[in-house]
Amino acid sequence: MRIAIGADHGGFDLKAKIIKYLKVKRHTVKDFGTYSPEPCDYPKYGFTVARAVAAGKYPRGILICKSGIGMSIVANKVRGIRAALVDSAEAARSSREHNDSNVIVLGSKTTNIYKAKRIIDVWLKTRRLGGRHLRRVNQIKALEDK
């Protein structure tokens, strides 16, 4: 799968480990930065990844900052993005099944690489559910048009 990834300085180290892991799993990964651990502002990176996913260039995106909160807020400002801040494999599964999340957000303060691998594996292989869940996702999409 083609995956867009980005992080601020707080997520830089975890991002590098995730990229290495995804490449071993034969995913195509585009790193949208940051490219160093020097302090930077997260909105630039969150917005860039979200726009790439919303434009259809990448079916999924991964964002990382210290808490995950800032990246979640930024990504969800982009029309068509359903970014989910998750801290467990079960939350990742639910975000796909119930909300058809297309961007996952991790907090580097609470997520080590081992936990990140479990979360990402579940998130990438989980399909969205239909029925009432699809109806609700469609309601979210309709709200974006208002």
N, C-alpha and C. Protein backbone atom coordinates (compact mmCIF):
# COMPACT_ATOMS: atom_id res chain seq x y z
N MET A 1 0.85 -1.18 0.00
CA MET A 1 0.00 0.00 0.00
C MET A 1 0.89 1.24 0.00
N ARG A 2 0.41 2.30 -0.61
CA ARG A 2 1.10 3.59 -0.60
C ARG A 2 0.66 4.36 0.65
N ILE A 3 1.64 4.79 1.43
CA ILE A 3 1.35 5.44 2.71
C ILE A 3 2.13 6.74 2.80
N ALA A 4 1.44 7.82 3.15
CA ALA A 4 2.08 9.10 3.43
C ALA A 4 2.35 9.17 4.92
N ILE A 5 3.50 9.70 5.30
CA ILE A 5 3.84 9.80 6.71
C ILE A 5 4.50 11.14 7.01
N GLY A 6 4.21 11.66 8.19
CA GLY A 6 4.82 12.91 8.60
C GLY A 6 4.85 13.02 10.10
N ALA A 7 5.76 13.85 10.59
CA ALA A 7 5.91 14.06 12.02
C ALA A 7 6.56 15.41 12.27
N ASP A 8 6.38 15.91 13.48
CA ASP A 8 7.16 17.05 13.91
C ASP A 8 8.40 16.51 14.64
N HIS A 9 9.15 17.40 15.27
CA HIS A 9 10.36 16.97 15.96
C HIS A 9 10.07 15.96 17.07
N GLY A 10 8.92 16.07 17.70
CA GLY A 10 8.56 15.14 18.77
C GLY A 10 8.28 13.73 18.28
N GLY A 11 7.94 13.59 17.02
CA GLY A 11 7.66 12.28 16.45
C GLY A 11 8.73 11.79 15.49
N PHE A 12 9.79 12.58 15.33
CA PHE A 12 10.82 12.28 14.34
C PHE A 12 11.42 10.89 14.50
N ASP A 13 11.85 10.53 15.70
CA ASP A 13 12.49 9.23 15.91
C ASP A 13 11.54 8.07 15.66
N LEU A 14 10.31 8.16 16.17
CA LEU A 14 9.33 7.10 15.95
C LEU A 14 8.99 6.98 14.47
N LYS A 15 8.89 8.11 13.79
CA LYS A 15 8.60 8.09 12.35
C LYS A 15 9.66 7.31 11.59
N ALA A 16 10.93 7.53 11.90
CA ALA A 16 12.02 6.83 11.22
C ALA A 16 11.90 5.31 11.41
N LYS A 17 11.56 4.89 12.62
CA LYS A 17 11.41 3.46 12.90
C LYS A 17 10.20 2.89 12.17
N ILE A 18 9.11 3.64 12.11
CA ILE A 18 7.91 3.18 11.41
C ILE A 18 8.17 3.06 9.92
N ILE A 19 8.87 4.02 9.34
CA ILE A 19 9.19 3.96 7.91
C ILE A 19 9.98 2.69 7.61
N LYS A 20 10.97 2.42 8.41
CA LYS A 20 11.79 1.21 8.22
C LYS A 20 10.91 -0.03 8.29
N TYR A 21 10.02 -0.09 9.28
CA TYR A 21 9.13 -1.23 9.45
C TYR A 21 8.19 -1.39 8.25
N LEU A 22 7.59 -0.29 7.80
CA LEU A 22 6.66 -0.36 6.67
C LEU A 22 7.36 -0.82 5.39
N LYS A 23 8.58 -0.39 5.19
CA LYS A 23 9.32 -0.82 4.00
C LYS A 23 9.65 -2.31 4.05
N VAL A 24 9.96 -2.81 5.22
CA VAL A 24 10.19 -4.26 5.37
C VAL A 24 8.91 -5.03 5.02
N LYS A 25 7.76 -4.44 5.34
CA LYS A 25 6.47 -5.06 5.03
C LYS A 25 6.05 -4.81 3.58
N ARG A 26 6.92 -4.21 2.80
CA ARG A 26 6.74 -3.97 1.35
C ARG A 26 5.70 -2.89 1.02
N HIS A 27 5.50 -1.95 1.92
CA HIS A 27 4.66 -0.80 1.64
C HIS A 27 5.51 0.28 0.98
N THR A 28 4.90 1.09 0.16
CA THR A 28 5.56 2.25 -0.42
C THR A 28 5.28 3.43 0.49
N VAL A 29 6.32 4.07 0.97
CA VAL A 29 6.17 5.13 1.96
C VAL A 29 6.76 6.43 1.44
N LYS A 30 5.99 7.49 1.54
CA LYS A 30 6.47 8.84 1.20
C LYS A 30 6.60 9.62 2.50
N ASP A 31 7.80 10.05 2.81
CA ASP A 31 8.09 10.82 4.02
C ASP A 31 7.93 12.30 3.71
N PHE A 32 6.96 12.94 4.34
CA PHE A 32 6.69 14.37 4.14
C PHE A 32 7.37 15.24 5.21
N GLY A 33 8.27 14.67 5.98
CA GLY A 33 9.02 15.45 6.96
C GLY A 33 8.41 15.36 8.34
N THR A 34 9.04 16.00 9.22
CA THR A 34 10.26 16.74 9.24
C THR A 34 11.43 15.78 9.07
N TYR A 35 12.55 16.34 8.67
CA TYR A 35 13.69 15.50 8.34
C TYR A 35 14.82 15.62 9.36
N SER A 36 14.54 16.22 10.50
CA SER A 36 15.53 16.31 11.57
C SER A 36 14.80 16.46 12.91
N PRO A 37 15.51 16.24 14.00
CA PRO A 37 14.88 16.41 15.32
C PRO A 37 14.88 17.86 15.81
N GLU A 38 15.26 18.79 14.96
CA GLU A 38 15.25 20.20 15.35
C GLU A 38 13.81 20.66 15.56
N PRO A 39 13.57 21.51 16.55
CA PRO A 39 12.21 22.00 16.81
C PRO A 39 11.56 22.60 15.56
N CYS A 40 10.30 22.26 15.35
CA CYS A 40 9.54 22.74 14.20
C CYS A 40 8.07 22.81 14.58
N ASP A 41 7.27 23.33 13.68
CA ASP A 41 5.84 23.47 13.93
C ASP A 41 5.08 22.35 13.22
N TYR A 42 4.26 21.62 13.97
CA TYR A 42 3.55 20.45 13.44
C TYR A 42 2.51 20.75 12.38
N PRO A 43 1.83 21.92 12.36
CA PRO A 43 0.76 22.09 11.37
C PRO A 43 1.19 21.88 9.92
N LYS A 44 2.38 22.31 9.59
CA LYS A 44 2.89 22.15 8.22
C LYS A 44 2.89 20.68 7.79
N TYR A 45 3.37 19.82 8.64
CA TYR A 45 3.52 18.41 8.30
C TYR A 45 2.18 17.67 8.33
N GLY A 46 1.37 17.99 9.32
CA GLY A 46 0.05 17.37 9.39
C GLY A 46 -0.81 17.74 8.19
N PHE A 47 -0.77 19.00 7.81
CA PHE A 47 -1.56 19.48 6.67
C PHE A 47 -1.07 18.87 5.36
N THR A 48 0.23 18.77 5.19
CA THR A 48 0.79 18.23 3.94
C THR A 48 0.40 16.77 3.75
N VAL A 49 0.51 15.98 4.80
CA VAL A 49 0.12 14.57 4.71
C VAL A 49 -1.38 14.45 4.46
N ALA A 50 -2.17 15.20 5.19
CA ALA A 50 -3.63 15.13 5.03
C ALA A 50 -4.04 15.52 3.61
N ARG A 51 -3.45 16.55 3.06
CA ARG A 51 -3.78 16.96 1.69
C ARG A 51 -3.42 15.88 0.68
N ALA A 52 -2.30 15.22 0.87
CA ALA A 52 -1.88 14.15 -0.05
C ALA A 52 -2.87 12.99 0.00
N VAL A 53 -3.37 12.65 1.19
CA VAL A 53 -4.36 11.57 1.32
C VAL A 53 -5.69 12.02 0.74
N ALA A 54 -6.12 13.22 1.06
CA ALA A 54 -7.41 13.73 0.56
C ALA A 54 -7.42 13.82 -0.96
N ALA A 55 -6.27 14.11 -1.56
CA ALA A 55 -6.18 14.23 -3.02
C ALA A 55 -6.14 12.86 -3.70
N GLY A 56 -6.05 11.79 -2.91
CA GLY A 56 -6.04 10.44 -3.48
C GLY A 56 -4.66 9.97 -3.90
N LYS A 57 -3.63 10.72 -3.61
CA LYS A 57 -2.26 10.30 -3.97
C LYS A 57 -1.80 9.13 -3.11
N TYR A 58 -2.34 9.07 -1.89
CA TYR A 58 -2.03 7.99 -0.94
C TYR A 58 -3.33 7.58 -0.27
N PRO A 59 -3.63 6.27 -0.24
CA PRO A 59 -4.88 5.85 0.40
C PRO A 59 -4.87 6.02 1.92
N ARG A 60 -3.69 6.02 2.53
CA ARG A 60 -3.60 6.15 3.98
C ARG A 60 -2.44 7.05 4.37
N GLY A 61 -2.58 7.64 5.56
CA GLY A 61 -1.52 8.49 6.09
C GLY A 61 -1.30 8.21 7.56
N ILE A 62 -0.07 8.46 8.00
CA ILE A 62 0.30 8.30 9.40
C ILE A 62 0.96 9.59 9.85
N LEU A 63 0.51 10.11 10.99
CA LEU A 63 1.08 11.33 11.56
C LEU A 63 1.53 11.06 13.00
N ILE A 64 2.61 11.72 13.40
CA ILE A 64 3.14 11.53 14.75
C ILE A 64 3.60 12.86 15.32
N CYS A 65 3.18 13.14 16.54
CA CYS A 65 3.74 14.23 17.33
C CYS A 65 3.79 13.73 18.77
N LYS A 66 4.22 14.54 19.69
CA LYS A 66 4.38 14.04 21.06
C LYS A 66 3.08 13.49 21.65
N SER A 67 2.01 14.27 21.58
CA SER A 67 0.74 13.81 22.15
C SER A 67 -0.19 13.22 21.10
N GLY A 68 -0.01 13.61 19.85
CA GLY A 68 -0.91 13.21 18.77
C GLY A 68 -2.09 14.16 18.61
N ILE A 69 -2.33 14.98 19.59
CA ILE A 69 -3.51 15.85 19.57
C ILE A 69 -3.40 16.92 18.48
N GLY A 70 -2.28 17.61 18.45
CA GLY A 70 -2.12 18.68 17.46
C GLY A 70 -2.24 18.17 16.03
N MET A 71 -1.59 17.07 15.74
CA MET A 71 -1.66 16.50 14.39
C MET A 71 -3.09 16.10 14.05
N SER A 72 -3.82 15.56 15.02
CA SER A 72 -5.21 15.16 14.78
C SER A 72 -6.06 16.37 14.41
N ILE A 73 -5.88 17.45 15.15
CA ILE A 73 -6.66 18.66 14.88
C ILE A 73 -6.36 19.19 13.49
N VAL A 74 -5.09 19.28 13.15
CA VAL A 74 -4.70 19.80 11.83
C VAL A 74 -5.24 18.92 10.71
N ALA A 75 -5.01 17.63 10.80
CA ALA A 75 -5.42 16.72 9.73
C ALA A 75 -6.92 16.78 9.50
N ASN A 76 -7.69 16.87 10.57
CA ASN A 76 -9.15 16.89 10.44
C ASN A 76 -9.70 18.21 9.90
N LYS A 77 -8.85 19.17 9.67
CA LYS A 77 -9.27 20.42 9.02
C LYS A 77 -9.37 20.25 7.50
N VAL A 78 -8.79 19.18 6.98
CA VAL A 78 -8.76 18.94 5.54
C VAL A 78 -9.98 18.13 5.14
N ARG A 79 -10.73 18.66 4.18
CA ARG A 79 -11.92 17.98 3.67
C ARG A 79 -11.57 16.57 3.18
N GLY A 80 -12.35 15.61 3.63
CA GLY A 80 -12.14 14.23 3.20
C GLY A 80 -11.26 13.42 4.13
N ILE A 81 -10.71 14.06 5.13
CA ILE A 81 -9.85 13.34 6.07
C ILE A 81 -10.63 12.95 7.31
N ARG A 82 -10.43 11.71 7.71
CA ARG A 82 -10.97 11.20 8.96
C ARG A 82 -9.78 10.66 9.75
N ALA A 83 -9.12 11.58 10.46
CA ALA A 83 -7.93 11.24 11.22
C ALA A 83 -8.33 10.78 12.61
N ALA A 84 -7.73 9.68 13.05
CA ALA A 84 -8.04 9.12 14.36
C ALA A 84 -6.77 9.03 15.20
N LEU A 85 -6.80 9.66 16.34
CA LEU A 85 -5.73 9.53 17.33
C LEU A 85 -5.99 8.24 18.09
N VAL A 86 -5.09 7.29 17.96
CA VAL A 86 -5.31 5.99 18.60
C VAL A 86 -4.14 5.63 19.51
N ASP A 87 -4.45 4.84 20.52
CA ASP A 87 -3.41 4.41 21.46
C ASP A 87 -3.42 2.90 21.67
N SER A 88 -4.18 2.19 20.84
CA SER A 88 -4.24 0.74 20.97
C SER A 88 -4.66 0.12 19.64
N ALA A 89 -4.38 -1.16 19.50
CA ALA A 89 -4.80 -1.88 18.30
C ALA A 89 -6.32 -1.91 18.19
N GLU A 90 -7.00 -2.03 19.32
CA GLU A 90 -8.48 -2.06 19.30
C GLU A 90 -9.04 -0.72 18.83
N ALA A 91 -8.46 0.38 19.28
CA ALA A 91 -8.91 1.70 18.81
C ALA A 91 -8.63 1.85 17.32
N ALA A 92 -7.51 1.33 16.85
CA ALA A 92 -7.19 1.38 15.42
C ALA A 92 -8.22 0.60 14.62
N ARG A 93 -8.56 -0.59 15.09
CA ARG A 93 -9.57 -1.42 14.41
C ARG A 93 -10.91 -0.68 14.35
N SER A 94 -11.33 -0.15 15.46
CA SER A 94 -12.60 0.57 15.52
C SER A 94 -12.59 1.79 14.61
N SER A 95 -11.48 2.50 14.56
CA SER A 95 -11.41 3.69 13.71
C SER A 95 -11.59 3.35 12.23
N ARG A 96 -11.18 2.17 11.85
CA ARG A 96 -11.36 1.74 10.45
C ARG A 96 -12.78 1.20 10.24
N GLU A 97 -13.20 0.29 11.12
CA GLU A 97 -14.51 -0.34 10.95
C GLU A 97 -15.66 0.66 11.06
N HIS A 98 -15.61 1.51 12.04
CA HIS A 98 -16.74 2.40 12.33
C HIS A 98 -16.63 3.75 11.65
N ASN A 99 -15.40 4.24 11.46
CA ASN A 99 -15.22 5.61 10.98
C ASN A 99 -14.49 5.71 9.66
N ASP A 100 -14.07 4.58 9.09
CA ASP A 100 -13.32 4.57 7.83
C ASP A 100 -12.17 5.56 7.88
N SER A 101 -11.40 5.55 8.98
CA SER A 101 -10.28 6.48 9.11
C SER A 101 -9.28 6.26 7.98
N ASN A 102 -8.78 7.37 7.46
CA ASN A 102 -7.78 7.28 6.40
C ASN A 102 -6.43 7.86 6.83
N VAL A 103 -6.41 8.44 8.01
CA VAL A 103 -5.17 8.90 8.64
C VAL A 103 -5.19 8.43 10.08
N ILE A 104 -4.07 7.89 10.50
CA ILE A 104 -3.93 7.48 11.89
C ILE A 104 -2.89 8.40 12.53
N VAL A 105 -3.15 8.75 13.77
CA VAL A 105 -2.25 9.65 14.49
C VAL A 105 -1.76 8.96 15.76
N LEU A 106 -0.46 9.04 15.96
CA LEU A 106 0.16 8.42 17.13
C LEU A 106 0.86 9.48 17.98
N GLY A 107 0.82 9.30 19.28
CA GLY A 107 1.56 10.15 20.21
C GLY A 107 2.84 9.46 20.60
N SER A 108 3.97 10.08 20.31
CA SER A 108 5.26 9.44 20.58
C SER A 108 5.54 9.29 22.08
N LYS A 109 4.88 10.10 22.92
CA LYS A 109 5.09 9.98 24.37
C LYS A 109 4.43 8.73 24.94
N THR A 110 3.43 8.20 24.25
CA THR A 110 2.70 7.05 24.77
C THR A 110 2.81 5.81 23.87
N THR A 111 3.52 5.94 22.76
CA THR A 111 3.59 4.84 21.79
C THR A 111 5.04 4.54 21.43
N ASN A 112 5.52 3.37 21.83
CA ASN A 112 6.85 2.95 21.39
C ASN A 112 6.72 2.19 20.07
N ILE A 113 7.82 1.79 19.49
CA ILE A 113 7.77 1.16 18.17
C ILE A 113 7.03 -0.17 18.21
N TYR A 114 7.12 -0.91 19.28
CA TYR A 114 6.43 -2.21 19.36
C TYR A 114 4.91 -2.03 19.35
N LYS A 115 4.45 -1.08 20.12
CA LYS A 115 3.02 -0.77 20.14
C LYS A 115 2.59 -0.19 18.79
N ALA A 116 3.42 0.67 18.22
CA ALA A 116 3.11 1.27 16.92
C ALA A 116 2.95 0.20 15.85
N LYS A 117 3.82 -0.79 15.84
CA LYS A 117 3.73 -1.87 14.85
C LYS A 117 2.40 -2.61 14.96
N ARG A 118 1.99 -2.94 16.18
CA ARG A 118 0.71 -3.64 16.38
C ARG A 118 -0.46 -2.78 15.90
N ILE A 119 -0.43 -1.51 16.27
CA ILE A 119 -1.50 -0.59 15.88
C ILE A 119 -1.58 -0.47 14.37
N ILE A 120 -0.45 -0.24 13.73
CA ILE A 120 -0.42 -0.03 12.29
C ILE A 120 -0.83 -1.29 11.54
N ASP A 121 -0.34 -2.45 11.97
CA ASP A 121 -0.72 -3.71 11.31
C ASP A 121 -2.23 -3.90 11.32
N VAL A 122 -2.85 -3.70 12.46
CA VAL A 122 -4.30 -3.86 12.57
C VAL A 122 -5.00 -2.82 11.71
N TRP A 123 -4.57 -1.58 11.79
CA TRP A 123 -5.20 -0.49 11.05
C TRP A 123 -5.13 -0.72 9.54
N LEU A 124 -3.99 -1.19 9.05
CA LEU A 124 -3.84 -1.37 7.60
C LEU A 124 -4.66 -2.54 7.06
N LYS A 125 -4.90 -3.56 7.86
CA LYS A 125 -5.65 -4.70 7.33
C LYS A 125 -7.14 -4.68 7.65
N THR A 126 -7.59 -3.75 8.47
CA THR A 126 -9.00 -3.68 8.84
C THR A 126 -9.80 -2.94 7.77
N ARG A 127 -10.91 -3.52 7.39
CA ARG A 127 -11.81 -2.89 6.41
C ARG A 127 -12.94 -2.17 7.13
N ARG A 128 -13.49 -1.19 6.45
CA ARG A 128 -14.63 -0.48 7.03
C ARG A 128 -15.86 -1.37 7.01
N LEU A 129 -16.76 -1.14 7.94
CA LEU A 129 -18.03 -1.84 7.98
C LEU A 129 -19.08 -1.02 7.24
N GLY A 130 -20.08 -1.65 6.78
CA GLY A 130 -21.18 -0.96 6.11
C GLY A 130 -22.28 -0.63 7.10
N GLY A 131 -23.51 -0.65 6.61
CA GLY A 131 -24.67 -0.45 7.48
C GLY A 131 -24.68 0.90 8.17
N ARG A 132 -25.00 0.88 9.44
CA ARG A 132 -25.13 2.13 10.19
C ARG A 132 -23.81 2.90 10.25
N HIS A 133 -22.68 2.18 10.19
CA HIS A 133 -21.39 2.86 10.24
C HIS A 133 -21.14 3.65 8.96
N LEU A 134 -21.45 3.05 7.82
CA LEU A 134 -21.30 3.76 6.55
C LEU A 134 -22.25 4.95 6.49
N ARG A 135 -23.46 4.76 6.99
CA ARG A 135 -24.42 5.87 7.02
C ARG A 135 -23.85 7.05 7.81
N ARG A 136 -23.20 6.77 8.90
CA ARG A 136 -22.64 7.83 9.75
C ARG A 136 -21.44 8.49 9.08
N VAL A 137 -20.61 7.72 8.43
CA VAL A 137 -19.47 8.30 7.69
C VAL A 137 -20.01 9.21 6.58
N ASN A 138 -21.05 8.78 5.91
CA ASN A 138 -21.66 9.63 4.87
C ASN A 138 -22.24 10.91 5.46
N GLN A 139 -22.76 10.85 6.68
CA GLN A 139 -23.25 12.06 7.35
C GLN A 139 -22.09 13.02 7.63
N ILE A 140 -20.96 12.48 8.02
CA ILE A 140 -19.77 13.31 8.25
C ILE A 140 -19.35 13.98 6.94
N LYS A 141 -19.34 13.22 5.86
CA LYS A 141 -18.97 13.78 4.55
C LYS A 141 -19.95 14.91 4.16
N ALA A 142 -21.23 14.71 4.43
CA ALA A 142 -22.22 15.74 4.10
C ALA A 142 -21.99 17.01 4.91
N LEU A 143 -21.55 16.88 6.14
CA LEU A 143 -21.27 18.05 6.97
C LEU A 143 -20.12 18.88 6.38
N GLU A 144 -19.18 18.22 5.74
CA GLU A 144 -18.06 18.94 5.13
C GLU A 144 -18.51 19.85 3.99
N ASP A 145 -19.63 19.54 3.39
CA ASP A 145 -20.14 20.32 2.28
C ASP A 145 -20.97 21.53 2.72
N LYS A 146 -21.22 21.64 4.02
CA LYS A 146 -22.02 22.77 4.52
C LYS A 146 -21.17 23.97 4.82
